[in-house]
Amino acid sequence: MEIISEVSKESLRSAVSTKNPDGVAAIVQKSAFKACTFDKEDDFILVLDRIQDPGNLGNLFRTALAAGVNKVLLGGGASPFNQKVIRSSCGSIFHLPFHRIEGNEEEIYDELLDSLKVISKKGFQIVLAIGNNKFSKKCPKPYWEYDWLKPTALILGNEGSGIHNKIQETFTETITIPHSELVESLNVACVAVPLLLERKRLILTSFSENKSD
């Protein structure tokens, strides 16, 4: 049941946390968010390792939806129900199924690794995005050299420390975005844009080529 009420600007401003509200606010039950169940049709999963900044997390949901990601798996980090996450996702979070793993660090990584192993057994490539200057056991490929058309689970790491060592030790397929050494690293929400949309580009290119034939 939906109830819509018109209130004064002062009442709206006092009810929300933003200094300059957009003019609309809503109270939403958690049941409005999509349940996260992995289907055999899924072929693109985004895995987020301890994303702390709510603005980054919301933007990642927005980019993931634009790129055709099927599911989002969250290893701890900011709560997806945080007001700033929901605002910065621009509603994307209501359309994209997600699951957040909670608990202490050991519990989170045990469950996250178990989930990744299950996803891997289903035929997914487990791909880690690492910084241009980060050490890795395997030399990372530029992201455009990767075969994104295969079922893929892309892992993006924490803003400060990157992807947890336990995950890096288990899965070694790495990609990166080459950039100037004058910049130590890129913001995780910025990194997601070319990586996630590269797959969409390849699909559209393949469709265009097949159509021309």
N, C-alpha and C. Protein backbone atom coordinates (compact mmCIF):
# COMPACT_ATOMS: atom_id res chain seq x y z
N MET A 1 0.84 -1.20 0.00
CA MET A 1 0.00 0.00 0.00
C MET A 1 0.87 1.25 0.00
N GLU A 2 0.61 2.15 -0.93
CA GLU A 2 1.40 3.38 -1.04
C GLU A 2 0.58 4.56 -0.52
N ILE A 3 1.19 5.35 0.33
CA ILE A 3 0.56 6.57 0.84
C ILE A 3 1.44 7.75 0.46
N ILE A 4 0.89 8.69 -0.25
CA ILE A 4 1.63 9.88 -0.67
C ILE A 4 1.08 11.09 0.07
N SER A 5 1.95 11.81 0.72
CA SER A 5 1.55 12.99 1.47
C SER A 5 2.39 14.19 1.04
N GLU A 6 1.73 15.31 0.86
CA GLU A 6 2.43 16.54 0.52
C GLU A 6 2.72 17.33 1.79
N VAL A 7 3.98 17.71 1.98
CA VAL A 7 4.37 18.44 3.19
C VAL A 7 5.10 19.72 2.79
N SER A 8 5.30 20.57 3.76
CA SER A 8 6.01 21.82 3.50
C SER A 8 7.50 21.54 3.33
N LYS A 9 8.21 22.49 2.72
CA LYS A 9 9.65 22.35 2.53
C LYS A 9 10.36 22.23 3.88
N GLU A 10 9.85 22.96 4.88
CA GLU A 10 10.46 22.93 6.20
C GLU A 10 10.32 21.55 6.83
N SER A 11 9.14 20.94 6.67
CA SER A 11 8.91 19.61 7.24
C SER A 11 9.80 18.57 6.55
N LEU A 12 9.92 18.68 5.23
CA LEU A 12 10.75 17.74 4.48
C LEU A 12 12.21 17.89 4.89
N ARG A 13 12.65 19.14 5.04
CA ARG A 13 14.05 19.40 5.39
C ARG A 13 14.38 18.85 6.78
N SER A 14 13.42 18.89 7.68
CA SER A 14 13.66 18.40 9.04
C SER A 14 13.61 16.87 9.11
N ALA A 15 13.03 16.22 8.08
CA ALA A 15 12.85 14.77 8.12
C ALA A 15 13.97 14.00 7.44
N VAL A 16 14.79 14.68 6.64
CA VAL A 16 15.87 14.00 5.92
C VAL A 16 17.21 14.59 6.32
N SER A 17 18.27 13.89 5.97
CA SER A 17 19.61 14.28 6.41
C SER A 17 20.33 15.22 5.44
N THR A 18 19.83 15.37 4.22
CA THR A 18 20.48 16.25 3.25
C THR A 18 20.16 17.71 3.52
N LYS A 19 21.13 18.59 3.24
CA LYS A 19 20.91 20.02 3.46
C LYS A 19 19.90 20.59 2.46
N ASN A 20 19.97 20.11 1.21
CA ASN A 20 19.07 20.59 0.16
C ASN A 20 18.36 19.41 -0.48
N PRO A 21 17.28 18.92 0.15
CA PRO A 21 16.57 17.74 -0.37
C PRO A 21 16.01 17.98 -1.76
N ASP A 22 15.89 16.91 -2.54
CA ASP A 22 15.42 17.00 -3.92
C ASP A 22 13.93 17.29 -4.02
N GLY A 23 13.21 17.14 -2.93
CA GLY A 23 11.78 17.41 -2.97
C GLY A 23 10.93 16.18 -2.79
N VAL A 24 11.57 15.01 -2.75
CA VAL A 24 10.85 13.75 -2.58
C VAL A 24 11.60 12.90 -1.56
N ALA A 25 10.87 12.30 -0.64
CA ALA A 25 11.45 11.36 0.32
C ALA A 25 10.48 10.20 0.48
N ALA A 26 11.02 9.04 0.86
CA ALA A 26 10.16 7.86 0.98
C ALA A 26 10.63 6.98 2.13
N ILE A 27 9.67 6.31 2.75
CA ILE A 27 9.95 5.25 3.71
C ILE A 27 9.64 3.94 3.00
N VAL A 28 10.65 3.08 2.90
CA VAL A 28 10.53 1.87 2.10
C VAL A 28 10.83 0.65 2.97
N GLN A 29 10.01 -0.38 2.87
CA GLN A 29 10.27 -1.61 3.58
C GLN A 29 11.41 -2.38 2.91
N LYS A 30 12.16 -3.15 3.71
CA LYS A 30 13.28 -3.90 3.14
C LYS A 30 12.82 -4.92 2.11
N SER A 31 11.57 -5.31 2.18
CA SER A 31 11.04 -6.27 1.20
C SER A 31 10.99 -5.67 -0.20
N ALA A 32 11.13 -4.34 -0.31
CA ALA A 32 11.13 -3.69 -1.62
C ALA A 32 12.43 -3.96 -2.38
N PHE A 33 13.48 -4.35 -1.65
CA PHE A 33 14.75 -4.67 -2.31
C PHE A 33 14.69 -6.09 -2.85
N LYS A 34 15.31 -6.31 -3.98
CA LYS A 34 15.24 -7.62 -4.63
C LYS A 34 16.08 -8.66 -3.88
N ALA A 35 15.49 -9.85 -3.70
CA ALA A 35 16.20 -10.95 -3.06
C ALA A 35 17.31 -11.45 -3.99
N CYS A 36 18.43 -11.84 -3.38
CA CYS A 36 19.59 -12.27 -4.17
C CYS A 36 19.68 -13.78 -4.21
N THR A 37 19.24 -14.37 -5.30
CA THR A 37 19.40 -15.80 -5.53
C THR A 37 20.09 -15.98 -6.88
N PHE A 38 21.11 -16.81 -6.91
CA PHE A 38 21.88 -16.99 -8.14
C PHE A 38 21.16 -17.95 -9.08
N ASP A 39 20.93 -17.47 -10.30
CA ASP A 39 20.21 -18.24 -11.32
C ASP A 39 21.18 -18.74 -12.38
N LYS A 40 20.78 -19.77 -13.09
CA LYS A 40 21.65 -20.33 -14.13
C LYS A 40 21.81 -19.36 -15.30
N GLU A 41 20.89 -18.39 -15.40
CA GLU A 41 21.00 -17.41 -16.49
C GLU A 41 22.02 -16.32 -16.18
N ASP A 42 22.43 -16.20 -14.92
CA ASP A 42 23.37 -15.16 -14.53
C ASP A 42 24.72 -15.37 -15.22
N ASP A 43 25.32 -14.28 -15.69
CA ASP A 43 26.65 -14.40 -16.29
C ASP A 43 27.57 -13.23 -15.95
N PHE A 44 27.11 -12.34 -15.08
CA PHE A 44 27.94 -11.20 -14.69
C PHE A 44 27.62 -10.82 -13.26
N ILE A 45 28.59 -11.00 -12.36
CA ILE A 45 28.40 -10.73 -10.94
C ILE A 45 29.48 -9.75 -10.48
N LEU A 46 29.07 -8.76 -9.69
CA LEU A 46 30.01 -7.81 -9.12
C LEU A 46 30.20 -8.14 -7.65
N VAL A 47 31.47 -8.31 -7.25
CA VAL A 47 31.80 -8.62 -5.86
C VAL A 47 32.57 -7.44 -5.27
N LEU A 48 32.08 -6.91 -4.15
CA LEU A 48 32.67 -5.72 -3.54
C LEU A 48 33.24 -6.07 -2.17
N ASP A 49 34.54 -5.88 -2.04
CA ASP A 49 35.24 -6.24 -0.82
C ASP A 49 35.43 -5.02 0.08
N ARG A 50 34.63 -4.90 1.11
CA ARG A 50 34.74 -3.86 2.15
C ARG A 50 34.72 -2.43 1.59
N ILE A 51 33.79 -2.13 0.72
CA ILE A 51 33.65 -0.76 0.23
C ILE A 51 33.07 0.08 1.37
N GLN A 52 33.87 1.05 1.85
CA GLN A 52 33.50 1.78 3.06
C GLN A 52 32.67 3.04 2.81
N ASP A 53 32.95 3.72 1.73
CA ASP A 53 32.30 5.01 1.49
C ASP A 53 30.90 4.81 0.90
N PRO A 54 29.85 5.30 1.57
CA PRO A 54 28.48 5.12 1.07
C PRO A 54 28.27 5.70 -0.32
N GLY A 55 28.92 6.84 -0.60
CA GLY A 55 28.79 7.44 -1.93
C GLY A 55 29.37 6.54 -3.01
N ASN A 56 30.53 5.95 -2.72
CA ASN A 56 31.13 5.00 -3.66
C ASN A 56 30.22 3.81 -3.89
N LEU A 57 29.68 3.26 -2.80
CA LEU A 57 28.84 2.07 -2.92
C LEU A 57 27.59 2.36 -3.76
N GLY A 58 26.95 3.50 -3.52
CA GLY A 58 25.78 3.85 -4.31
C GLY A 58 26.10 4.01 -5.78
N ASN A 59 27.24 4.65 -6.07
CA ASN A 59 27.65 4.83 -7.47
C ASN A 59 27.99 3.50 -8.12
N LEU A 60 28.54 2.56 -7.34
CA LEU A 60 28.84 1.24 -7.89
C LEU A 60 27.56 0.49 -8.27
N PHE A 61 26.52 0.62 -7.47
CA PHE A 61 25.24 0.02 -7.82
C PHE A 61 24.70 0.63 -9.11
N ARG A 62 24.83 1.93 -9.24
CA ARG A 62 24.31 2.63 -10.42
C ARG A 62 25.04 2.17 -11.69
N THR A 63 26.37 2.09 -11.61
CA THR A 63 27.16 1.64 -12.76
C THR A 63 26.88 0.17 -13.08
N ALA A 64 26.75 -0.64 -12.02
CA ALA A 64 26.49 -2.07 -12.22
C ALA A 64 25.18 -2.30 -12.95
N LEU A 65 24.15 -1.56 -12.59
CA LEU A 65 22.86 -1.69 -13.26
C LEU A 65 22.98 -1.26 -14.72
N ALA A 66 23.70 -0.17 -14.97
CA ALA A 66 23.88 0.31 -16.34
C ALA A 66 24.64 -0.71 -17.19
N ALA A 67 25.54 -1.47 -16.55
CA ALA A 67 26.39 -2.41 -17.29
C ALA A 67 25.76 -3.78 -17.47
N GLY A 68 24.59 -4.01 -16.88
CA GLY A 68 23.94 -5.30 -17.04
C GLY A 68 24.38 -6.36 -16.05
N VAL A 69 24.94 -5.93 -14.90
CA VAL A 69 25.32 -6.88 -13.85
C VAL A 69 24.06 -7.57 -13.33
N ASN A 70 24.15 -8.87 -13.08
CA ASN A 70 22.98 -9.62 -12.59
C ASN A 70 22.81 -9.53 -11.09
N LYS A 71 23.92 -9.63 -10.34
CA LYS A 71 23.88 -9.66 -8.89
C LYS A 71 25.08 -8.92 -8.33
N VAL A 72 24.93 -8.44 -7.07
CA VAL A 72 26.05 -7.82 -6.37
C VAL A 72 26.25 -8.56 -5.05
N LEU A 73 27.48 -8.97 -4.78
CA LEU A 73 27.83 -9.65 -3.54
C LEU A 73 28.72 -8.72 -2.74
N LEU A 74 28.32 -8.40 -1.51
CA LEU A 74 29.02 -7.44 -0.68
C LEU A 74 29.72 -8.16 0.46
N GLY A 75 31.03 -8.00 0.54
CA GLY A 75 31.78 -8.54 1.67
C GLY A 75 31.96 -7.46 2.71
N GLY A 76 30.99 -7.31 3.61
CA GLY A 76 31.05 -6.27 4.63
C GLY A 76 30.98 -4.89 4.02
N GLY A 77 31.66 -3.93 4.67
CA GLY A 77 31.67 -2.55 4.17
C GLY A 77 30.43 -1.78 4.58
N ALA A 78 30.18 -0.68 3.88
CA ALA A 78 29.04 0.18 4.20
C ALA A 78 27.73 -0.58 4.00
N SER A 79 26.74 -0.22 4.80
CA SER A 79 25.43 -0.86 4.67
C SER A 79 24.74 -0.36 3.41
N PRO A 80 24.20 -1.26 2.60
CA PRO A 80 23.48 -0.83 1.41
C PRO A 80 22.18 -0.08 1.74
N PHE A 81 21.76 -0.15 3.01
CA PHE A 81 20.54 0.54 3.42
C PHE A 81 20.84 1.94 3.95
N ASN A 82 22.11 2.34 3.93
CA ASN A 82 22.49 3.69 4.33
C ASN A 82 21.82 4.71 3.39
N GLN A 83 21.32 5.81 3.95
CA GLN A 83 20.60 6.80 3.14
C GLN A 83 21.46 7.33 1.99
N LYS A 84 22.75 7.56 2.26
CA LYS A 84 23.62 8.10 1.22
C LYS A 84 23.83 7.09 0.10
N VAL A 85 23.90 5.80 0.46
CA VAL A 85 24.03 4.76 -0.56
C VAL A 85 22.82 4.77 -1.48
N ILE A 86 21.64 4.81 -0.89
CA ILE A 86 20.40 4.77 -1.67
C ILE A 86 20.29 6.01 -2.56
N ARG A 87 20.63 7.18 -2.00
CA ARG A 87 20.55 8.42 -2.80
C ARG A 87 21.53 8.40 -3.96
N SER A 88 22.78 8.03 -3.69
CA SER A 88 23.79 8.07 -4.75
C SER A 88 23.59 6.97 -5.78
N SER A 89 22.82 5.93 -5.43
CA SER A 89 22.51 4.89 -6.42
C SER A 89 21.42 5.35 -7.38
N CYS A 90 20.76 6.48 -7.06
CA CYS A 90 19.68 7.02 -7.90
C CYS A 90 18.59 5.97 -8.20
N GLY A 91 18.29 5.15 -7.20
CA GLY A 91 17.23 4.15 -7.36
C GLY A 91 17.71 2.82 -7.90
N SER A 92 18.96 2.75 -8.37
CA SER A 92 19.47 1.51 -8.96
C SER A 92 19.42 0.35 -7.97
N ILE A 93 19.61 0.65 -6.71
CA ILE A 93 19.68 -0.41 -5.69
C ILE A 93 18.36 -1.16 -5.56
N PHE A 94 17.26 -0.55 -5.99
CA PHE A 94 15.96 -1.23 -5.93
C PHE A 94 15.77 -2.21 -7.09
N HIS A 95 16.62 -2.12 -8.10
CA HIS A 95 16.48 -2.97 -9.29
C HIS A 95 17.52 -4.09 -9.36
N LEU A 96 18.54 -4.03 -8.51
CA LEU A 96 19.66 -4.95 -8.62
C LEU A 96 19.74 -5.84 -7.38
N PRO A 97 19.53 -7.14 -7.51
CA PRO A 97 19.60 -8.03 -6.35
C PRO A 97 21.00 -8.02 -5.73
N PHE A 98 21.06 -8.04 -4.41
CA PHE A 98 22.35 -8.04 -3.73
C PHE A 98 22.27 -8.85 -2.44
N HIS A 99 23.44 -9.28 -1.99
CA HIS A 99 23.55 -9.96 -0.70
C HIS A 99 24.77 -9.41 0.03
N ARG A 100 24.57 -9.01 1.29
CA ARG A 100 25.69 -8.48 2.08
C ARG A 100 26.09 -9.51 3.13
N ILE A 101 27.35 -9.90 3.11
CA ILE A 101 27.89 -10.83 4.11
C ILE A 101 28.28 -10.03 5.35
N GLU A 102 27.79 -10.45 6.50
CA GLU A 102 28.04 -9.72 7.73
C GLU A 102 28.76 -10.60 8.75
N GLY A 103 29.27 -9.96 9.81
CA GLY A 103 29.99 -10.68 10.86
C GLY A 103 31.36 -10.07 11.08
N ASN A 104 32.22 -10.78 11.82
CA ASN A 104 33.58 -10.28 11.99
C ASN A 104 34.39 -10.58 10.73
N GLU A 105 35.61 -10.08 10.70
CA GLU A 105 36.42 -10.20 9.47
C GLU A 105 36.60 -11.65 9.04
N GLU A 106 36.89 -12.53 9.97
CA GLU A 106 37.12 -13.93 9.63
C GLU A 106 35.85 -14.57 9.07
N GLU A 107 34.70 -14.28 9.69
CA GLU A 107 33.44 -14.84 9.22
C GLU A 107 33.09 -14.34 7.82
N ILE A 108 33.34 -13.04 7.60
CA ILE A 108 33.04 -12.45 6.29
C ILE A 108 33.87 -13.13 5.21
N TYR A 109 35.18 -13.30 5.45
CA TYR A 109 36.03 -13.85 4.41
C TYR A 109 35.85 -15.33 4.20
N ASP A 110 35.49 -16.04 5.26
CA ASP A 110 35.18 -17.46 5.08
C ASP A 110 33.96 -17.63 4.17
N GLU A 111 32.91 -16.85 4.43
CA GLU A 111 31.69 -16.95 3.62
C GLU A 111 31.92 -16.42 2.21
N LEU A 112 32.69 -15.32 2.11
CA LEU A 112 32.95 -14.74 0.79
C LEU A 112 33.75 -15.71 -0.08
N LEU A 113 34.78 -16.33 0.50
CA LEU A 113 35.57 -17.30 -0.26
C LEU A 113 34.74 -18.51 -0.65
N ASP A 114 33.90 -18.98 0.26
CA ASP A 114 33.03 -20.11 -0.07
C ASP A 114 32.11 -19.75 -1.24
N SER A 115 31.55 -18.53 -1.20
CA SER A 115 30.66 -18.08 -2.28
C SER A 115 31.40 -17.99 -3.60
N LEU A 116 32.62 -17.47 -3.58
CA LEU A 116 33.41 -17.34 -4.80
C LEU A 116 33.78 -18.70 -5.38
N LYS A 117 34.07 -19.66 -4.50
CA LYS A 117 34.40 -21.01 -4.97
C LYS A 117 33.18 -21.66 -5.64
N VAL A 118 31.99 -21.41 -5.07
CA VAL A 118 30.75 -21.94 -5.67
C VAL A 118 30.54 -21.30 -7.04
N ILE A 119 30.73 -19.98 -7.11
CA ILE A 119 30.57 -19.27 -8.38
C ILE A 119 31.57 -19.77 -9.41
N SER A 120 32.81 -20.02 -8.97
CA SER A 120 33.84 -20.52 -9.87
C SER A 120 33.47 -21.90 -10.42
N LYS A 121 32.93 -22.76 -9.58
CA LYS A 121 32.53 -24.10 -10.01
C LYS A 121 31.39 -24.06 -11.02
N LYS A 122 30.65 -22.94 -11.03
CA LYS A 122 29.56 -22.79 -11.99
C LYS A 122 30.06 -22.31 -13.35
N GLY A 123 31.39 -22.17 -13.47
CA GLY A 123 31.98 -21.80 -14.75
C GLY A 123 32.34 -20.33 -14.89
N PHE A 124 32.26 -19.58 -13.81
CA PHE A 124 32.60 -18.16 -13.85
C PHE A 124 34.10 -17.95 -13.76
N GLN A 125 34.59 -16.94 -14.49
CA GLN A 125 35.94 -16.44 -14.30
C GLN A 125 35.91 -15.53 -13.07
N ILE A 126 36.82 -15.72 -12.15
CA ILE A 126 36.92 -14.85 -10.98
C ILE A 126 38.05 -13.87 -11.26
N VAL A 127 37.71 -12.61 -11.45
CA VAL A 127 38.66 -11.60 -11.91
C VAL A 127 38.86 -10.53 -10.85
N LEU A 128 40.11 -10.28 -10.49
CA LEU A 128 40.44 -9.28 -9.49
C LEU A 128 40.95 -8.02 -10.17
N ALA A 129 40.39 -6.88 -9.82
CA ALA A 129 40.89 -5.60 -10.33
C ALA A 129 41.88 -5.04 -9.32
N ILE A 130 43.12 -4.82 -9.76
CA ILE A 130 44.13 -4.29 -8.85
C ILE A 130 44.71 -3.01 -9.41
N GLY A 131 45.36 -2.25 -8.54
CA GLY A 131 45.94 -0.97 -8.95
C GLY A 131 47.06 -1.13 -9.95
N ASN A 132 47.29 -0.10 -10.70
CA ASN A 132 48.30 -0.11 -11.76
C ASN A 132 49.69 -0.40 -11.21
N ASN A 133 49.95 0.00 -9.95
CA ASN A 133 51.29 -0.15 -9.38
C ASN A 133 51.32 -1.17 -8.24
N LYS A 134 50.26 -1.98 -8.10
CA LYS A 134 50.19 -2.95 -7.02
C LYS A 134 50.93 -4.23 -7.38
N PHE A 135 51.52 -4.85 -6.35
CA PHE A 135 52.22 -6.11 -6.58
C PHE A 135 51.21 -7.24 -6.74
N SER A 136 51.48 -8.15 -7.65
CA SER A 136 50.64 -9.32 -7.84
C SER A 136 51.52 -10.49 -8.27
N LYS A 137 51.10 -11.71 -7.87
CA LYS A 137 51.84 -12.91 -8.27
C LYS A 137 51.85 -13.06 -9.78
N LYS A 138 50.81 -12.56 -10.41
CA LYS A 138 50.67 -12.67 -11.86
C LYS A 138 50.53 -11.27 -12.45
N CYS A 139 51.27 -11.02 -13.51
CA CYS A 139 51.23 -9.69 -14.13
C CYS A 139 49.80 -9.41 -14.62
N PRO A 140 49.18 -8.33 -14.14
CA PRO A 140 47.80 -8.05 -14.54
C PRO A 140 47.69 -7.63 -16.00
N LYS A 141 46.60 -8.04 -16.63
CA LYS A 141 46.33 -7.64 -18.01
C LYS A 141 45.64 -6.27 -18.02
N PRO A 142 45.90 -5.45 -19.02
CA PRO A 142 45.03 -4.29 -19.22
C PRO A 142 43.60 -4.81 -19.42
N TYR A 143 42.64 -4.12 -18.90
CA TYR A 143 41.27 -4.65 -18.88
C TYR A 143 40.70 -4.93 -20.27
N TRP A 144 41.19 -4.23 -21.30
CA TRP A 144 40.65 -4.43 -22.65
C TRP A 144 41.18 -5.71 -23.32
N GLU A 145 42.16 -6.35 -22.68
CA GLU A 145 42.68 -7.60 -23.23
C GLU A 145 41.98 -8.82 -22.64
N TYR A 146 41.01 -8.59 -21.79
CA TYR A 146 40.34 -9.70 -21.12
C TYR A 146 39.10 -10.12 -21.90
N ASP A 147 38.76 -11.41 -21.81
CA ASP A 147 37.57 -11.92 -22.50
C ASP A 147 36.35 -11.73 -21.60
N TRP A 148 35.71 -10.59 -21.72
CA TRP A 148 34.56 -10.25 -20.87
C TRP A 148 33.29 -10.97 -21.28
N LEU A 149 33.31 -11.62 -22.43
CA LEU A 149 32.08 -12.27 -22.89
C LEU A 149 31.83 -13.61 -22.18
N LYS A 150 32.84 -14.13 -21.48
CA LYS A 150 32.64 -15.32 -20.66
C LYS A 150 31.96 -14.93 -19.35
N PRO A 151 31.22 -15.85 -18.72
CA PRO A 151 30.63 -15.55 -17.40
C PRO A 151 31.72 -15.08 -16.45
N THR A 152 31.49 -13.94 -15.82
CA THR A 152 32.54 -13.28 -15.05
C THR A 152 32.03 -12.79 -13.70
N ALA A 153 32.86 -12.99 -12.67
CA ALA A 153 32.64 -12.35 -11.37
C ALA A 153 33.81 -11.39 -11.16
N LEU A 154 33.52 -10.10 -11.19
CA LEU A 154 34.55 -9.07 -11.04
C LEU A 154 34.62 -8.63 -9.59
N ILE A 155 35.83 -8.64 -9.01
CA ILE A 155 36.02 -8.25 -7.62
C ILE A 155 36.71 -6.89 -7.56
N LEU A 156 36.10 -5.95 -6.86
CA LEU A 156 36.69 -4.64 -6.58
C LEU A 156 36.94 -4.54 -5.09
N GLY A 157 38.10 -3.96 -4.72
CA GLY A 157 38.51 -3.98 -3.32
C GLY A 157 38.29 -2.68 -2.57
N ASN A 158 38.60 -2.75 -1.29
CA ASN A 158 38.50 -1.63 -0.36
C ASN A 158 39.28 -0.41 -0.85
N GLU A 159 38.75 0.78 -0.56
CA GLU A 159 39.34 2.02 -1.05
C GLU A 159 40.80 2.18 -0.64
N GLY A 160 41.15 1.74 0.57
CA GLY A 160 42.51 1.95 1.05
C GLY A 160 43.44 0.77 0.86
N SER A 161 42.96 -0.42 1.15
CA SER A 161 43.83 -1.60 1.16
C SER A 161 43.62 -2.55 -0.01
N GLY A 162 42.65 -2.27 -0.86
CA GLY A 162 42.43 -3.13 -2.02
C GLY A 162 41.75 -4.44 -1.65
N ILE A 163 41.95 -5.46 -2.48
CA ILE A 163 41.32 -6.76 -2.27
C ILE A 163 42.08 -7.54 -1.20
N HIS A 164 41.35 -8.15 -0.30
CA HIS A 164 41.96 -8.87 0.83
C HIS A 164 42.92 -9.95 0.34
N ASN A 165 44.01 -10.14 1.12
CA ASN A 165 45.04 -11.12 0.74
C ASN A 165 44.50 -12.53 0.57
N LYS A 166 43.52 -12.91 1.41
CA LYS A 166 42.96 -14.26 1.31
C LYS A 166 42.35 -14.52 -0.06
N ILE A 167 41.72 -13.48 -0.62
CA ILE A 167 41.11 -13.62 -1.94
C ILE A 167 42.19 -13.65 -3.01
N GLN A 168 43.20 -12.78 -2.87
CA GLN A 168 44.28 -12.74 -3.85
C GLN A 168 45.07 -14.04 -3.88
N GLU A 169 45.17 -14.71 -2.73
CA GLU A 169 45.90 -15.97 -2.67
C GLU A 169 45.12 -17.12 -3.32
N THR A 170 43.78 -16.99 -3.34
CA THR A 170 42.93 -18.05 -3.87
C THR A 170 42.68 -17.89 -5.36
N PHE A 171 42.50 -16.65 -5.80
CA PHE A 171 42.21 -16.37 -7.21
C PHE A 171 43.26 -15.40 -7.75
N THR A 172 43.90 -15.75 -8.84
CA THR A 172 45.06 -14.99 -9.30
C THR A 172 44.86 -14.30 -10.65
N GLU A 173 43.67 -14.39 -11.22
CA GLU A 173 43.41 -13.73 -12.51
C GLU A 173 43.19 -12.24 -12.25
N THR A 174 44.13 -11.40 -12.70
CA THR A 174 44.08 -9.98 -12.37
C THR A 174 44.04 -9.10 -13.61
N ILE A 175 43.35 -7.97 -13.47
CA ILE A 175 43.31 -6.97 -14.53
C ILE A 175 43.60 -5.61 -13.90
N THR A 176 43.92 -4.65 -14.73
CA THR A 176 44.21 -3.32 -14.22
C THR A 176 43.85 -2.28 -15.27
N ILE A 177 43.79 -1.02 -14.84
CA ILE A 177 43.60 0.11 -15.76
C ILE A 177 44.92 0.86 -15.81
N PRO A 178 45.69 0.72 -16.88
CA PRO A 178 46.96 1.44 -16.96
C PRO A 178 46.75 2.95 -16.88
N HIS A 179 47.60 3.60 -16.08
CA HIS A 179 47.50 5.06 -15.96
C HIS A 179 48.85 5.62 -15.53
N SER A 180 48.97 6.91 -15.52
CA SER A 180 50.22 7.59 -15.18
C SER A 180 50.68 7.21 -13.78
N GLU A 181 51.99 7.03 -13.62
CA GLU A 181 52.56 6.72 -12.31
C GLU A 181 52.50 7.92 -11.36
N LEU A 182 52.16 9.09 -11.89
CA LEU A 182 52.01 10.27 -11.03
C LEU A 182 50.80 10.13 -10.11
N VAL A 183 49.88 9.24 -10.49
CA VAL A 183 48.69 8.98 -9.66
C VAL A 183 48.84 7.59 -9.06
N GLU A 184 48.79 7.51 -7.73
CA GLU A 184 49.01 6.22 -7.06
C GLU A 184 47.89 5.24 -7.33
N SER A 185 46.64 5.73 -7.28
CA SER A 185 45.50 4.83 -7.48
C SER A 185 44.29 5.64 -7.93
N LEU A 186 43.26 4.93 -8.40
CA LEU A 186 42.03 5.55 -8.84
C LEU A 186 40.90 5.23 -7.86
N ASN A 187 39.94 6.12 -7.76
CA ASN A 187 38.77 5.88 -6.92
C ASN A 187 38.02 4.65 -7.42
N VAL A 188 37.57 3.80 -6.48
CA VAL A 188 36.94 2.54 -6.86
C VAL A 188 35.69 2.73 -7.71
N ALA A 189 34.93 3.79 -7.45
CA ALA A 189 33.73 4.03 -8.25
C ALA A 189 34.11 4.44 -9.68
N CYS A 190 35.25 5.13 -9.84
CA CYS A 190 35.74 5.49 -11.18
C CYS A 190 36.26 4.26 -11.91
N VAL A 191 36.97 3.40 -11.18
CA VAL A 191 37.52 2.17 -11.76
C VAL A 191 36.41 1.30 -12.34
N ALA A 192 35.27 1.25 -11.65
CA ALA A 192 34.18 0.37 -12.06
C ALA A 192 33.62 0.73 -13.43
N VAL A 193 33.66 2.01 -13.79
CA VAL A 193 33.00 2.44 -15.02
C VAL A 193 33.58 1.77 -16.27
N PRO A 194 34.88 1.91 -16.55
CA PRO A 194 35.40 1.24 -17.76
C PRO A 194 35.36 -0.27 -17.66
N LEU A 195 35.60 -0.83 -16.47
CA LEU A 195 35.64 -2.28 -16.33
C LEU A 195 34.27 -2.90 -16.58
N LEU A 196 33.25 -2.36 -15.95
CA LEU A 196 31.91 -2.93 -16.10
C LEU A 196 31.31 -2.66 -17.48
N LEU A 197 31.58 -1.49 -18.03
CA LEU A 197 30.98 -1.15 -19.31
C LEU A 197 31.74 -1.73 -20.50
N GLU A 198 32.96 -2.22 -20.27
CA GLU A 198 33.70 -2.87 -21.35
C GLU A 198 32.93 -4.08 -21.87
N ARG A 199 32.33 -4.82 -20.96
CA ARG A 199 31.56 -6.00 -21.37
C ARG A 199 30.35 -5.58 -22.22
N LYS A 200 29.69 -4.52 -21.80
CA LYS A 200 28.54 -4.02 -22.56
C LYS A 200 28.99 -3.58 -23.95
N ARG A 201 30.15 -2.94 -24.03
CA ARG A 201 30.68 -2.50 -25.32
C ARG A 201 30.92 -3.69 -26.25
N LEU A 202 31.53 -4.74 -25.71
CA LEU A 202 31.83 -5.92 -26.53
C LEU A 202 30.55 -6.61 -27.01
N ILE A 203 29.54 -6.67 -26.16
CA ILE A 203 28.27 -7.28 -26.55
C ILE A 203 27.63 -6.48 -27.67
N LEU A 204 27.62 -5.16 -27.55
CA LEU A 204 27.02 -4.31 -28.58
C LEU A 204 27.81 -4.39 -29.88
N THR A 205 29.15 -4.46 -29.77
CA THR A 205 29.99 -4.57 -30.96
C THR A 205 29.74 -5.89 -31.67
N SER A 206 29.64 -6.98 -30.90
CA SER A 206 29.37 -8.29 -31.46
C SER A 206 28.01 -8.33 -32.15
N PHE A 207 27.01 -7.71 -31.52
CA PHE A 207 25.67 -7.67 -32.08
C PHE A 207 25.68 -6.89 -33.40
N SER A 208 26.40 -5.76 -33.41
CA SER A 208 26.47 -4.92 -34.61
C SER A 208 27.14 -5.66 -35.76
N GLU A 209 28.22 -6.39 -35.45
CA GLU A 209 28.94 -7.12 -36.49
C GLU A 209 28.09 -8.26 -37.05
N ASN A 210 27.37 -8.96 -36.17
CA ASN A 210 26.51 -10.05 -36.63
C ASN A 210 25.36 -9.54 -37.47
N LYS A 211 24.87 -8.35 -37.12
CA LYS A 211 23.74 -7.76 -37.85
C LYS A 211 24.19 -7.34 -39.26
N SER A 212 25.43 -6.82 -39.34
CA SER A 212 25.94 -6.38 -40.65
C SER A 212 26.21 -7.56 -41.58
N ASP A 213 26.53 -8.74 -40.98
CA ASP A 213 26.76 -9.92 -41.79
C ASP A 213 25.46 -10.43 -42.41
